[in-house]
C-alpha atoms as a PDB file:
ATOM      1  CA  UNK A   1      77.698 189.414 -31.268  1.00  0.00           C
ATOM      2  CA  UNK A   2      79.446 192.723 -30.652  1.00  0.00           C
ATOM      3  CA  UNK A   3      78.210 194.181 -33.890  1.00  0.00           C
ATOM      4  CA  UNK A   4      74.619 193.206 -33.131  1.00  0.00           C
ATOM      5  CA  UNK A   5      74.815 194.782 -29.674  1.00  0.00           C
ATOM      6  CA  UNK A   6      76.401 197.889 -31.118  1.00  0.00           C
ATOM      7  CA  UNK A   7      73.707 198.122 -33.768  1.00  0.00           C
ATOM      8  CA  UNK A   8      70.982 197.750 -31.148  1.00  0.00           C
ATOM      9  CA  UNK A   9      72.542 200.450 -28.996  1.00  0.00           C
ATOM     10  CA  UNK A  10      72.878 202.763 -31.979  1.00  0.00           C
ATOM     11  CA  UNK A  11      69.244 202.195 -32.908  1.00  0.00           C
ATOM     12  CA  UNK A  12      68.119 202.904 -29.350  1.00  0.00           C
ATOM     13  CA  UNK A  13      70.159 206.107 -29.282  1.00  0.00           C
ATOM     14  CA  UNK A  14      68.707 207.181 -32.607  1.00  0.00           C
ATOM     15  CA  UNK A  15      65.195 206.560 -31.359  1.00  0.00           C
ATOM     16  CA  UNK A  16      65.850 208.560 -28.190  1.00  0.00           C
ATOM     17  CA  UNK A  17      67.262 211.419 -30.241  1.00  0.00           C
ATOM     18  CA  UNK A  18      64.295 211.279 -32.614  1.00  0.00           C
ATOM     19  CA  UNK A  19      61.901 211.314 -29.653  1.00  0.00           C
ATOM     20  CA  UNK A  20      63.622 214.307 -28.087  1.00  0.00           C
ATOM     21  CA  UNK A  21      63.585 216.206 -31.367  1.00  0.00           C
ATOM     22  CA  UNK A  22      59.813 215.715 -31.555  1.00  0.00           C
ATOM     23  CA  UNK A  23      59.489 218.215 -28.734  1.00  0.00           C
ATOM     24  CA  UNK A  24      62.258 220.536 -29.894  1.00  0.00           C
ATOM     25  CA  UNK A  25      61.517 223.932 -31.397  1.00  0.00           C
ATOM     26  CA  UNK A  26      64.708 224.760 -33.282  1.00  0.00           C
ATOM     27  CA  UNK A  27      68.286 223.572 -32.676  1.00  0.00           C
ATOM     28  CA  UNK A  28      69.595 227.158 -32.602  1.00  0.00           C
ATOM     29  CA  UNK A  29      68.083 230.401 -31.216  1.00  0.00           C
ATOM     30  CA  UNK A  30      67.872 231.968 -34.661  1.00  0.00           C
ATOM     31  CA  UNK A  31      64.173 231.662 -35.486  1.00  0.00           C
ATOM     32  CA  UNK A  32      64.730 228.610 -37.658  1.00  0.00           C
ATOM     33  CA  UNK A  33      62.444 228.523 -40.671  1.00  0.00           C
ATOM     34  CA  UNK A  34      59.768 230.856 -39.270  1.00  0.00           C
ATOM     35  CA  UNK A  35      58.977 234.030 -41.135  1.00  0.00           C
ATOM     36  CA  UNK A  36      59.931 236.810 -38.747  1.00  0.00           C
ATOM     37  CA  UNK A  37      57.703 239.695 -37.849  1.00  0.00           C
ATOM     38  CA  UNK A  38      57.172 242.397 -35.260  1.00  0.00           C
ATOM     39  CA  UNK A  39      54.334 243.687 -33.114  1.00  0.00           C
ATOM     40  CA  UNK A  40      53.795 247.384 -32.323  1.00  0.00           C
ATOM     41  CA  UNK A  41      55.113 248.817 -29.080  1.00  0.00           C
ATOM     42  CA  UNK A  42      51.627 250.174 -28.454  1.00  0.00           C
ATOM     43  CA  UNK A  43      48.240 250.497 -30.154  1.00  0.00           C
ATOM     44  CA  UNK A  44      46.525 253.803 -30.823  1.00  0.00           C
ATOM     45  CA  UNK A  45      43.626 252.728 -28.601  1.00  0.00           C
ATOM     46  CA  UNK A  46      45.670 254.011 -25.697  1.00  0.00           C
ATOM     47  CA  UNK A  47      45.167 257.588 -26.946  1.00  0.00           C
ATOM     48  CA  UNK A  48      42.178 259.641 -25.712  1.00  0.00           C
ATOM     49  CA  UNK A  49      41.654 261.766 -28.881  1.00  0.00           C
ATOM     50  CA  UNK A  50      39.309 260.236 -31.443  1.00  0.00           C
ATOM     51  CA  UNK A  51      40.278 262.647 -34.179  1.00  0.00           C
ATOM     52  CA  UNK A  52      43.815 261.280 -34.062  1.00  0.00           C
ATOM     53  CA  UNK A  53      42.780 257.619 -34.315  1.00  0.00           C
ATOM     54  CA  UNK A  54      41.845 256.045 -37.675  1.00  0.00           C
ATOM     55  CA  UNK A  55      38.812 253.760 -37.786  1.00  0.00           C
ATOM     56  CA  UNK A  56      41.259 250.889 -38.254  1.00  0.00           C
ATOM     57  CA  UNK A  57      44.899 250.816 -37.245  1.00  0.00           C
ATOM     58  CA  UNK A  58      46.827 248.609 -39.692  1.00  0.00           C
ATOM     59  CA  UNK A  59      49.994 246.918 -38.513  1.00  0.00           C
ATOM     60  CA  UNK A  60      52.253 245.032 -40.927  1.00  0.00           C
ATOM     61  CA  UNK A  61      53.641 242.134 -38.903  1.00  0.00           C
ATOM     62  CA  UNK A  62      55.587 241.154 -41.997  1.00  0.00           C
ATOM     63  CA  UNK A  63      54.963 241.593 -45.748  1.00  0.00           C
ATOM     64  CA  UNK A  64      52.329 238.823 -45.870  1.00  0.00           C
ATOM     65  CA  UNK A  65      50.574 239.080 -42.500  1.00  0.00           C
ATOM     66  CA  UNK A  66      48.641 242.107 -41.242  1.00  0.00           C
ATOM     67  CA  UNK A  67      46.882 242.847 -37.960  1.00  0.00           C
ATOM     68  CA  UNK A  68      44.084 245.420 -37.915  1.00  0.00           C
ATOM     69  CA  UNK A  69      42.480 246.908 -34.817  1.00  0.00           C
ATOM     70  CA  UNK A  70      39.183 248.734 -34.686  1.00  0.00           C
ATOM     71  CA  UNK A  71      39.128 252.197 -33.149  1.00  0.00           C
ATOM     72  CA  UNK A  72      37.696 252.569 -29.613  1.00  0.00           C
ATOM     73  CA  UNK A  73      35.831 255.609 -30.958  1.00  0.00           C
ATOM     74  CA  UNK A  74      33.636 253.273 -33.014  1.00  0.00           C
ATOM     75  CA  UNK A  75      33.187 250.528 -30.393  1.00  0.00           C
ATOM     76  CA  UNK A  76      34.726 250.025 -26.975  1.00  0.00           C
ATOM     77  CA  UNK A  77      35.220 246.334 -27.852  1.00  0.00           C
ATOM     78  CA  UNK A  78      38.021 247.471 -30.261  1.00  0.00           C
ATOM     79  CA  UNK A  79      38.550 243.966 -31.675  1.00  0.00           C
ATOM     80  CA  UNK A  80      41.428 242.771 -33.833  1.00  0.00           C
ATOM     81  CA  UNK A  81      41.070 241.176 -37.256  1.00  0.00           C
ATOM     82  CA  UNK A  82      43.810 239.333 -39.126  1.00  0.00           C
ATOM     83  CA  UNK A  83      44.788 239.212 -42.800  1.00  0.00           C
ATOM     84  CA  UNK A  84      47.015 236.491 -44.283  1.00  0.00           C
ATOM     85  CA  UNK A  85      48.419 236.391 -47.824  1.00  0.00           C
ATOM     86  CA  UNK A  86      49.488 233.219 -49.613  1.00  0.00           C
ATOM     87  CA  UNK A  87      50.667 232.762 -53.181  1.00  0.00           C
ATOM     88  CA  UNK A  88      47.173 231.926 -54.430  1.00  0.00           C
ATOM     89  CA  UNK A  89      44.704 233.328 -51.904  1.00  0.00           C
ATOM     90  CA  UNK A  90      44.313 235.743 -49.027  1.00  0.00           C
ATOM     91  CA  UNK A  91      42.306 235.063 -45.871  1.00  0.00           C
ATOM     92  CA  UNK A  92      40.588 237.510 -43.544  1.00  0.00           C
ATOM     93  CA  UNK A  93      39.844 236.252 -40.033  1.00  0.00           C
ATOM     94  CA  UNK A  94      36.873 238.169 -38.510  1.00  0.00           C
ATOM     95  CA  UNK A  95      35.147 241.276 -39.833  1.00  0.00           C
ATOM     96  CA  UNK A  96      34.979 243.611 -36.843  1.00  0.00           C
ATOM     97  CA  UNK A  97      32.273 245.008 -34.608  1.00  0.00           C
ATOM     98  CA  UNK A  98      29.495 247.567 -35.021  1.00  0.00           C
ATOM     99  CA  UNK A  99      30.333 250.868 -36.737  1.00  0.00           C
ATOM    100  CA  UNK A 100      33.621 249.375 -37.918  1.00  0.00           C
ATOM    101  CA  UNK A 101      33.274 250.079 -41.670  1.00  0.00           C
ATOM    102  CA  UNK A 102      36.157 247.730 -42.457  1.00  0.00           C
ATOM    103  CA  UNK A 103      35.809 247.716 -46.266  1.00  0.00           C
ATOM    104  CA  UNK A 104      37.772 250.887 -47.210  1.00  0.00           C
ATOM    105  CA  UNK A 105      40.759 249.991 -45.029  1.00  0.00           C
ATOM    106  CA  UNK A 106      40.680 246.347 -46.105  1.00  0.00           C
ATOM    107  CA  UNK A 107      40.578 247.235 -49.805  1.00  0.00           C
ATOM    108  CA  UNK A 108      43.434 249.707 -49.433  1.00  0.00           C
ATOM    109  CA  UNK A 109      45.565 247.164 -47.554  1.00  0.00           C
ATOM    110  CA  UNK A 110      44.946 244.414 -50.121  1.00  0.00           C
ATOM    111  CA  UNK A 111      45.510 246.701 -53.117  1.00  0.00           C
ATOM    112  CA  UNK A 112      48.758 247.987 -51.649  1.00  0.00           C
ATOM    113  CA  UNK A 113      49.841 244.352 -51.273  1.00  0.00           C
ATOM    114  CA  UNK A 114      48.829 243.624 -54.874  1.00  0.00           C
ATOM    115  CA  UNK A 115      50.802 246.600 -56.153  1.00  0.00           C
ATOM    116  CA  UNK A 116      53.863 245.621 -54.131  1.00  0.00           C
ATOM    117  CA  UNK A 117      53.682 242.083 -55.507  1.00  0.00           C
ATOM    118  CA  UNK A 118      52.943 243.137 -59.089  1.00  0.00           C
ATOM    119  CA  UNK A 119      49.551 241.434 -59.010  1.00  0.00           C
ATOM    120  CA  UNK A 120      46.184 242.573 -60.338  1.00  0.00           C
ATOM    121  CA  UNK A 121      43.917 240.445 -58.128  1.00  0.00           C
ATOM    122  CA  UNK A 122      43.752 237.841 -55.372  1.00  0.00           C
ATOM    123  CA  UNK A 123      40.785 235.769 -54.106  1.00  0.00           C
ATOM    124  CA  UNK A 124      39.833 236.502 -50.497  1.00  0.00           C
ATOM    125  CA  UNK A 125      38.458 233.941 -48.042  1.00  0.00           C
ATOM    126  CA  UNK A 126      36.472 235.515 -45.198  1.00  0.00           C
ATOM    127  CA  UNK A 127      36.192 233.403 -42.055  1.00  0.00           C
ATOM    128  CA  UNK A 128      35.894 233.900 -38.283  1.00  0.00           C
ATOM    129  CA  UNK A 129      37.290 232.903 -34.912  1.00  0.00           C
ATOM    130  CA  UNK A 130      33.692 232.590 -33.640  1.00  0.00           C
ATOM    131  CA  UNK A 131      30.151 233.752 -34.197  1.00  0.00           C
ATOM    132  CA  UNK A 132      29.704 236.668 -31.743  1.00  0.00           C
ATOM    133  CA  UNK A 133      28.634 240.007 -33.214  1.00  0.00           C
ATOM    134  CA  UNK A 134      31.733 241.943 -32.211  1.00  0.00           C
ATOM    135  CA  UNK A 135      33.623 239.731 -34.702  1.00  0.00           C
ATOM    136  CA  UNK A 136      30.998 239.264 -37.419  1.00  0.00           C
ATOM    137  CA  UNK A 137      29.348 242.691 -37.685  1.00  0.00           C
ATOM    138  CA  UNK A 138      31.077 243.432 -40.974  1.00  0.00           C
ATOM    139  CA  UNK A 139      29.887 240.213 -42.646  1.00  0.00           C
ATOM    140  CA  UNK A 140      27.123 241.774 -44.720  1.00  0.00           C
ATOM    141  CA  UNK A 141      29.418 244.463 -46.076  1.00  0.00           C
ATOM    142  CA  UNK A 142      32.038 241.854 -47.043  1.00  0.00           C
ATOM    143  CA  UNK A 143      29.423 239.707 -48.743  1.00  0.00           C
ATOM    144  CA  UNK A 144      28.179 242.738 -50.684  1.00  0.00           C
ATOM    145  CA  UNK A 145      31.645 243.957 -51.671  1.00  0.00           C
ATOM    146  CA  UNK A 146      31.816 243.968 -55.456  1.00  0.00           C
ATOM    147  CA  UNK A 147      35.487 244.359 -56.316  1.00  0.00           C
ATOM    148  CA  UNK A 148      36.740 242.357 -59.322  1.00  0.00           C
ATOM    149  CA  UNK A 149      40.300 242.447 -57.970  1.00  0.00           C
ATOM    150  CA  UNK A 150      39.182 240.850 -54.665  1.00  0.00           C
ATOM    151  CA  UNK A 151      36.612 238.084 -55.294  1.00  0.00           C
ATOM    152  CA  UNK A 152      35.246 236.917 -51.943  1.00  0.00           C
ATOM    153  CA  UNK A 153      34.504 233.418 -50.673  1.00  0.00           C
ATOM    154  CA  UNK A 154      32.480 233.783 -47.473  1.00  0.00           C
ATOM    155  CA  UNK A 155      32.488 231.145 -44.732  1.00  0.00           C
ATOM    156  CA  UNK A 156      29.680 231.589 -42.208  1.00  0.00           C
ATOM    157  CA  UNK A 157      30.637 231.295 -38.558  1.00  0.00           C
ATOM    158  CA  UNK A 158      28.927 228.047 -37.648  1.00  0.00           C
ATOM    159  CA  UNK A 159      29.945 224.503 -36.773  1.00  0.00           C
ATOM    160  CA  UNK A 160      28.464 223.237 -40.043  1.00  0.00           C
ATOM    161  CA  UNK A 161      30.168 225.816 -42.270  1.00  0.00           C
ATOM    162  CA  UNK A 162      33.543 225.447 -40.559  1.00  0.00           C
ATOM    163  CA  UNK A 163      33.380 221.657 -40.701  1.00  0.00           C
ATOM    164  CA  UNK A 164      32.539 221.643 -44.384  1.00  0.00           C
ATOM    165  CA  UNK A 165      34.942 224.336 -45.585  1.00  0.00           C
ATOM    166  CA  UNK A 166      37.966 223.227 -43.557  1.00  0.00           C
ATOM    167  CA  UNK A 167      37.237 219.479 -43.963  1.00  0.00           C
ATOM    168  CA  UNK A 168      36.759 218.772 -40.249  1.00  0.00           C
ATOM    169  CA  UNK A 169      35.162 215.319 -40.305  1.00  0.00           C
ATOM    170  CA  UNK A 170      34.525 214.944 -36.572  1.00  0.00           C
ATOM    171  CA  UNK A 171      33.855 218.135 -34.618  1.00  0.00           C
ATOM    172  CA  UNK A 172      35.575 219.104 -32.367  1.00  0.00           C
ATOM    173  CA  UNK A 173      38.182 216.320 -32.248  1.00  0.00           C
ATOM    174  CA  UNK A 174      39.620 216.605 -35.766  1.00  0.00           C
ATOM    175  CA  UNK A 175      41.902 219.301 -37.145  1.00  0.00           C
ATOM    176  CA  UNK A 176      41.092 221.142 -40.380  1.00  0.00           C
ATOM    177  CA  UNK A 177      43.448 222.797 -42.855  1.00  0.00           C
ATOM    178  CA  UNK A 178      43.535 225.533 -45.458  1.00  0.00           C
ATOM    179  CA  UNK A 179      46.279 226.071 -48.053  1.00  0.00           C
ATOM    180  CA  UNK A 180      46.552 229.635 -49.350  1.00  0.00           C
ATOM    181  CA  UNK A 181      49.460 228.743 -51.623  1.00  0.00           C
ATOM    182  CA  UNK A 182      52.787 228.022 -49.885  1.00  0.00           C
ATOM    183  CA  UNK A 183      51.000 228.971 -46.678  1.00  0.00           C
ATOM    184  CA  UNK A 184      49.133 226.301 -44.710  1.00  0.00           C
ATOM    185  CA  UNK A 185      47.031 227.050 -41.653  1.00  0.00           C
ATOM    186  CA  UNK A 186      45.645 224.424 -39.291  1.00  0.00           C
ATOM    187  CA  UNK A 187      42.132 224.905 -37.949  1.00  0.00           C
ATOM    188  CA  UNK A 188      41.532 223.686 -34.381  1.00  0.00           C
ATOM    189  CA  UNK A 189      37.939 223.539 -33.071  1.00  0.00           C
ATOM    190  CA  UNK A 190      37.832 225.091 -29.583  1.00  0.00           C
ATOM    191  CA  UNK A 191      34.178 225.366 -28.463  1.00  0.00           C
ATOM    192  CA  UNK A 192      33.457 226.569 -24.947  1.00  0.00           C
ATOM    193  CA  UNK A 193      33.483 230.339 -25.279  1.00  0.00           C
ATOM    194  CA  UNK A 194      31.004 229.774 -28.096  1.00  0.00           C
ATOM    195  CA  UNK A 195      29.785 226.779 -30.054  1.00  0.00           C
ATOM    196  CA  UNK A 196      31.670 227.547 -33.290  1.00  0.00           C
ATOM    197  CA  UNK A 197      34.962 228.834 -31.859  1.00  0.00           C
ATOM    198  CA  UNK A 198      38.092 227.862 -33.801  1.00  0.00           C
ATOM    199  CA  UNK A 199      41.802 228.601 -33.542  1.00  0.00           C
ATOM    200  CA  UNK A 200      44.140 229.162 -36.502  1.00  0.00           C
ATOM    201  CA  UNK A 201      47.784 228.042 -36.511  1.00  0.00           C
ATOM    202  CA  UNK A 202      49.936 229.573 -39.250  1.00  0.00           C
ATOM    203  CA  UNK A 203      52.867 227.325 -40.195  1.00  0.00           C
ATOM    204  CA  UNK A 204      54.777 230.203 -41.823  1.00  0.00           C
ATOM    205  CA  UNK A 205      54.971 232.504 -38.809  1.00  0.00           C
ATOM    206  CA  UNK A 206      54.190 230.193 -35.888  1.00  0.00           C
ATOM    207  CA  UNK A 207      51.341 232.542 -34.903  1.00  0.00           C
ATOM    208  CA  UNK A 208      48.357 230.946 -33.164  1.00  0.00           C
ATOM    209  CA  UNK A 209      45.082 232.892 -33.339  1.00  0.00           C
ATOM    210  CA  UNK A 210      43.089 231.959 -30.241  1.00  0.00           C
ATOM    211  CA  UNK A 211      39.997 234.157 -30.668  1.00  0.00           C
ATOM    212  CA  UNK A 212      38.139 234.903 -27.434  1.00  0.00           C
ATOM    213  CA  UNK A 213      39.312 231.648 -25.852  1.00  0.00           C
ATOM    214  CA  UNK A 214      42.648 233.149 -24.792  1.00  0.00           C
ATOM    215  CA  UNK A 215      43.717 236.800 -24.730  1.00  0.00           C
ATOM    216  CA  UNK A 216      44.834 239.339 -22.120  1.00  0.00           C
ATOM    217  CA  UNK A 217      41.455 240.026 -20.547  1.00  0.00           C
ATOM    218  CA  UNK A 218      38.255 238.371 -19.357  1.00  0.00           C
ATOM    219  CA  UNK A 219      37.898 234.858 -20.725  1.00  0.00           C
ATOM    220  CA  UNK A 220      34.122 234.382 -20.783  1.00  0.00           C
ATOM    221  CA  UNK A 221      33.337 230.689 -20.415  1.00  0.00           C
ATOM    222  CA  UNK A 222      29.902 229.709 -21.671  1.00  0.00           C
ATOM    223  CA  UNK A 223      30.305 225.913 -21.589  1.00  0.00           C
ATOM    224  CA  UNK A 224      32.832 224.969 -18.903  1.00  0.00           C
ATOM    225  CA  UNK A 225      33.434 221.284 -19.821  1.00  0.00           C
ATOM    226  CA  UNK A 226      33.803 222.147 -23.516  1.00  0.00           C
ATOM    227  CA  UNK A 227      36.093 225.094 -22.718  1.00  0.00           C
ATOM    228  CA  UNK A 228      38.368 222.962 -20.544  1.00  0.00           C
ATOM    229  CA  UNK A 229      38.530 220.263 -23.215  1.00  0.00           C
ATOM    230  CA  UNK A 230      39.373 222.875 -25.841  1.00  0.00           C
ATOM    231  CA  UNK A 231      42.243 224.295 -23.803  1.00  0.00           C
ATOM    232  CA  UNK A 232      43.642 220.793 -23.405  1.00  0.00           C
ATOM    233  CA  UNK A 233      43.175 220.217 -27.150  1.00  0.00           C
ATOM    234  CA  UNK A 234      45.163 223.377 -27.941  1.00  0.00           C
ATOM    235  CA  UNK A 235      47.954 222.336 -25.589  1.00  0.00           C
ATOM    236  CA  UNK A 236      48.159 218.915 -27.199  1.00  0.00           C
ATOM    237  CA  UNK A 237      48.015 220.412 -30.694  1.00  0.00           C
ATOM    238  CA  UNK A 238      50.886 222.815 -30.011  1.00  0.00           C
ATOM    239  CA  UNK A 239      53.226 220.200 -28.507  1.00  0.00           C
ATOM    240  CA  UNK A 240      56.468 220.231 -30.473  1.00  0.00           C
ATOM    241  CA  UNK A 241      55.316 223.152 -32.650  1.00  0.00           C
ATOM    242  CA  UNK A 242      57.013 226.553 -32.630  1.00  0.00           C
ATOM    243  CA  UNK A 243      54.543 229.109 -31.255  1.00  0.00           C
ATOM    244  CA  UNK A 244      55.899 232.594 -31.855  1.00  0.00           C
ATOM    245  CA  UNK A 245      52.852 234.409 -30.505  1.00  0.00           C
ATOM    246  CA  UNK A 246      49.417 233.554 -29.234  1.00  0.00           C
ATOM    247  CA  UNK A 247      47.151 236.357 -30.510  1.00  0.00           C
ATOM    248  CA  UNK A 248      43.593 236.779 -29.260  1.00  0.00           C
ATOM    249  CA  UNK A 249      40.775 239.105 -30.276  1.00  0.00           C
ATOM    250  CA  UNK A 250      40.919 241.763 -27.560  1.00  0.00           C
ATOM    251  CA  UNK A 251      43.031 243.489 -24.952  1.00  0.00           C
ATOM    252  CA  UNK A 252      41.126 244.110 -21.710  1.00  0.00           C
ATOM    253  CA  UNK A 253      44.044 243.848 -19.317  1.00  0.00           C
ATOM    254  CA  UNK A 254      46.320 246.564 -18.019  1.00  0.00           C
ATOM    255  CA  UNK A 255      50.086 246.098 -18.109  1.00  0.00           C
ATOM    256  CA  UNK A 256      49.787 246.103 -14.321  1.00  0.00           C
ATOM    257  CA  UNK A 257      49.469 242.450 -13.236  1.00  0.00           C
ATOM    258  CA  UNK A 258      45.988 241.295 -12.171  1.00  0.00           C
ATOM    259  CA  UNK A 259      44.346 244.591 -13.224  1.00  0.00           C
ATOM    260  CA  UNK A 260      41.817 244.769 -16.077  1.00  0.00           C
ATOM    261  CA  UNK A 261      39.843 247.671 -17.486  1.00  0.00           C
ATOM    262  CA  UNK A 262      36.132 247.962 -16.600  1.00  0.00           C
ATOM    263  CA  UNK A 263      33.635 246.826 -19.234  1.00  0.00           C
ATOM    264  CA  UNK A 264      32.965 249.719 -21.619  1.00  0.00           C
ATOM    265  CA  UNK A 265      36.379 251.372 -21.263  1.00  0.00           C
ATOM    266  CA  UNK A 266      37.227 253.127 -24.521  1.00  0.00           C
ATOM    267  CA  UNK A 267      40.765 254.390 -23.955  1.00  0.00           C
ATOM    268  CA  UNK A 268      43.253 252.099 -22.267  1.00  0.00           C
ATOM    269  CA  UNK A 269      46.505 253.759 -21.181  1.00  0.00           C
ATOM    270  CA  UNK A 270      49.237 251.405 -19.991  1.00  0.00           C
ATOM    271  CA  UNK A 271      47.668 248.578 -21.976  1.00  0.00           C
ATOM    272  CA  UNK A 272      48.852 244.959 -21.822  1.00  0.00           C
ATOM    273  CA  UNK A 273      50.545 243.754 -25.013  1.00  0.00           C
ATOM    274  CA  UNK A 274      48.412 241.677 -27.366  1.00  0.00           C
ATOM    275  CA  UNK A 275      50.702 238.652 -27.555  1.00  0.00           C
ATOM    276  CA  UNK A 276      50.713 235.842 -25.020  1.00  0.00           C
ATOM    277  CA  UNK A 277      52.919 232.734 -25.030  1.00  0.00           C
ATOM    278  CA  UNK A 278      52.068 229.037 -25.133  1.00  0.00           C
ATOM    279  CA  UNK A 279      52.827 228.980 -21.409  1.00  0.00           C
ATOM    280  CA  UNK A 280      49.623 230.962 -20.862  1.00  0.00           C
ATOM    281  CA  UNK A 281      47.672 227.929 -22.076  1.00  0.00           C
ATOM    282  CA  UNK A 282      49.391 225.795 -19.445  1.00  0.00           C
ATOM    283  CA  UNK A 283      48.569 228.384 -16.796  1.00  0.00           C
ATOM    284  CA  UNK A 284      44.947 228.432 -17.929  1.00  0.00           C
ATOM    285  CA  UNK A 285      44.775 224.635 -17.872  1.00  0.00           C
ATOM    286  CA  UNK A 286      46.082 224.607 -14.313  1.00  0.00           C
ATOM    287  CA  UNK A 287      43.517 227.229 -13.267  1.00  0.00           C
ATOM    288  CA  UNK A 288      40.639 225.250 -14.779  1.00  0.00           C
ATOM    289  CA  UNK A 289      41.785 222.008 -13.166  1.00  0.00           C
ATOM    290  CA  UNK A 290      41.952 223.740  -9.782  1.00  0.00           C
ATOM    291  CA  UNK A 291      38.190 224.340  -9.986  1.00  0.00           C
ATOM    292  CA  UNK A 292      37.464 220.583  -9.988  1.00  0.00           C
ATOM    293  CA  UNK A 293      34.535 220.960 -12.373  1.00  0.00           C
ATOM    294  CA  UNK A 294      32.869 223.837 -10.515  1.00  0.00           C
ATOM    295  CA  UNK A 295      33.203 227.059 -12.565  1.00  0.00           C
ATOM    296  CA  UNK A 296      34.355 230.081 -10.628  1.00  0.00           C
ATOM    297  CA  UNK A 297      35.924 233.417 -11.356  1.00  0.00           C
ATOM    298  CA  UNK A 298      39.674 233.379 -11.005  1.00  0.00           C
ATOM    299  CA  UNK A 299      42.042 236.266 -11.745  1.00  0.00           C
ATOM    300  CA  UNK A 300      45.540 235.421 -12.940  1.00  0.00           C
ATOM    301  CA  UNK A 301      48.400 237.705 -13.863  1.00  0.00           C
ATOM    302  CA  UNK A 302      47.461 238.291 -17.508  1.00  0.00           C
ATOM    303  CA  UNK A 303      43.824 237.199 -17.751  1.00  0.00           C
ATOM    304  CA  UNK A 304      40.739 236.269 -15.737  1.00  0.00           C
ATOM    305  CA  UNK A 305      38.638 233.133 -16.076  1.00  0.00           C
ATOM    306  CA  UNK A 306      35.076 234.435 -16.091  1.00  0.00           C
ATOM    307  CA  UNK A 307      32.279 231.815 -16.170  1.00  0.00           C
ATOM    308  CA  UNK A 308      29.221 233.316 -17.807  1.00  0.00           C
ATOM    309  CA  UNK A 309      27.181 230.475 -19.267  1.00  0.00           C
ATOM    310  CA  UNK A 310      24.310 228.187 -18.311  1.00  0.00           C
ATOM    311  CA  UNK A 311      26.697 226.026 -16.290  1.00  0.00           C
ATOM    312  CA  UNK A 312      27.050 228.863 -13.803  1.00  0.00           C
ATOM    313  CA  UNK A 313      23.740 230.809 -13.515  1.00  0.00           C
ATOM    314  CA  UNK A 314      24.822 232.638 -10.377  1.00  0.00           C
ATOM    315  CA  UNK A 315      27.900 234.046 -12.130  1.00  0.00           C
ATOM    316  CA  UNK A 316      25.765 234.950 -15.146  1.00  0.00           C
ATOM    317  CA  UNK A 317      23.438 237.081 -13.020  1.00  0.00           C
ATOM    318  CA  UNK A 318      26.392 238.669 -11.244  1.00  0.00           C
ATOM    319  CA  UNK A 319      28.130 239.376 -14.541  1.00  0.00           C
ATOM    320  CA  UNK A 320      25.072 241.020 -16.106  1.00  0.00           C
ATOM    321  CA  UNK A 321      24.764 243.256 -13.063  1.00  0.00           C
ATOM    322  CA  UNK A 322      28.455 244.114 -13.295  1.00  0.00           C
ATOM    323  CA  UNK A 323      28.145 244.967 -17.007  1.00  0.00           C
ATOM    324  CA  UNK A 324      25.228 247.320 -16.405  1.00  0.00           C
ATOM    325  CA  UNK A 325      27.117 249.069 -13.604  1.00  0.00           C
ATOM    326  CA  UNK A 326      30.183 249.512 -15.782  1.00  0.00           C
ATOM    327  CA  UNK A 327      28.240 250.704 -18.818  1.00  0.00           C
ATOM    328  CA  UNK A 328      26.802 253.505 -16.691  1.00  0.00           C
ATOM    329  CA  UNK A 329      30.383 254.583 -15.996  1.00  0.00           C
ATOM    330  CA  UNK A 330      31.786 254.039 -19.487  1.00  0.00           C
ATOM    331  CA  UNK A 331      32.209 257.729 -20.196  1.00  0.00           C
ATOM    332  CA  UNK A 332      34.464 258.187 -17.192  1.00  0.00           C
ATOM    333  CA  UNK A 333      37.786 257.678 -18.989  1.00  0.00           C
ATOM    334  CA  UNK A 334      39.811 258.726 -15.956  1.00  0.00           C
ATOM    335  CA  UNK A 335      39.598 255.097 -14.821  1.00  0.00           C
ATOM    336  CA  UNK A 336      42.490 252.843 -15.854  1.00  0.00           C
END
C-alpha cells in the first residue's frame, strides 16, 4: 500500500517536473547548447558620409551566421539580409532593395567562408521573409548569378512556393522546416503584413527572423485579423524555446523611447538596436488585443502598430499623405 502510494507520488512529481521543464530555457545561465554570437554596437547607417559607407555592411554574428545591411546611400530603406551556413548548404534570406548590388559582397562573403572551411563550393538556397520589393529587388541578379562554386536554388516569395519548398501542408497553420546540414530552421507562416510573410527560427543560435512583422519601427499591418493571428502563432511557437534575438528587416526607431525617424530618413544617429526580445511579441499581442478588432495606430516604446491595409482605408489615406510629406523632406538630414 505504502509502496504504491509512494510510486504514485513519485510519478506525479516527475510529471510536474517534466511539465515545468517544457517551459524552461536552460537550467544554468551559461547559454546552454546555443551557438553564441554578437551584434555590432552600431551600424554604419548612422554615419552621414556616403563615401565612408560600403554598399553592404557585413557583420559576422558567429562563424556560420552573417548579417548584411544595405547602405542608406543606395536606398533609405536600408534593409537587412541574413546568411546561414550549414554543413551541406547555405541559405540567404532576402536579396535587398533597389540599387543594392548584393552579388559582389555576397560572393566575397561566401568565398571567404569556403576558404576558411577548406571547401571549394556550397549550394545556396535563396528565400525571403516576404514579397515586398525592398526585400526582393536583388532576385533577378541572384537568379542570373553563374558561379560554379555557389549553385543557386531560388525560392520565389509566394504562398505557393513557400508551401511547396518548406513542406507546409496547411497554410498558415502548419510549420515548415529546412535542414542545411546539422542546422535546422523552422519556417512559421505569418501573413498579415503581406500574404507570403514567413518567420525563420534557427535552432543553432536561437535567432528568430521576424521580417517586417516585428522590428524596431513602423509595423505596417495590411490584414489586421491575419496579422493578429500571426503574432499569436509566433508566441505559441516560441513557448519553451530559447530565443536569443528577434531580428527584423529594418530599424526605423530611435534609441529614444517612442521616437521614430520620418519616412525617407537616410542617416539615423542614435539608432535603436536591431534586436528585440520575445517579450516584444507579448507587448505587441497586448496592443492588438486592446484595439478590440478595430485597427488603429498605436505607438509603443520600441515600435508602432501602423494599420495600412484595406481593413483601415482611413489610415491608408492618412499614411499615404504622411509618406508624401516626409519624402519631400527626405534630404533634410538634420532631423533625428
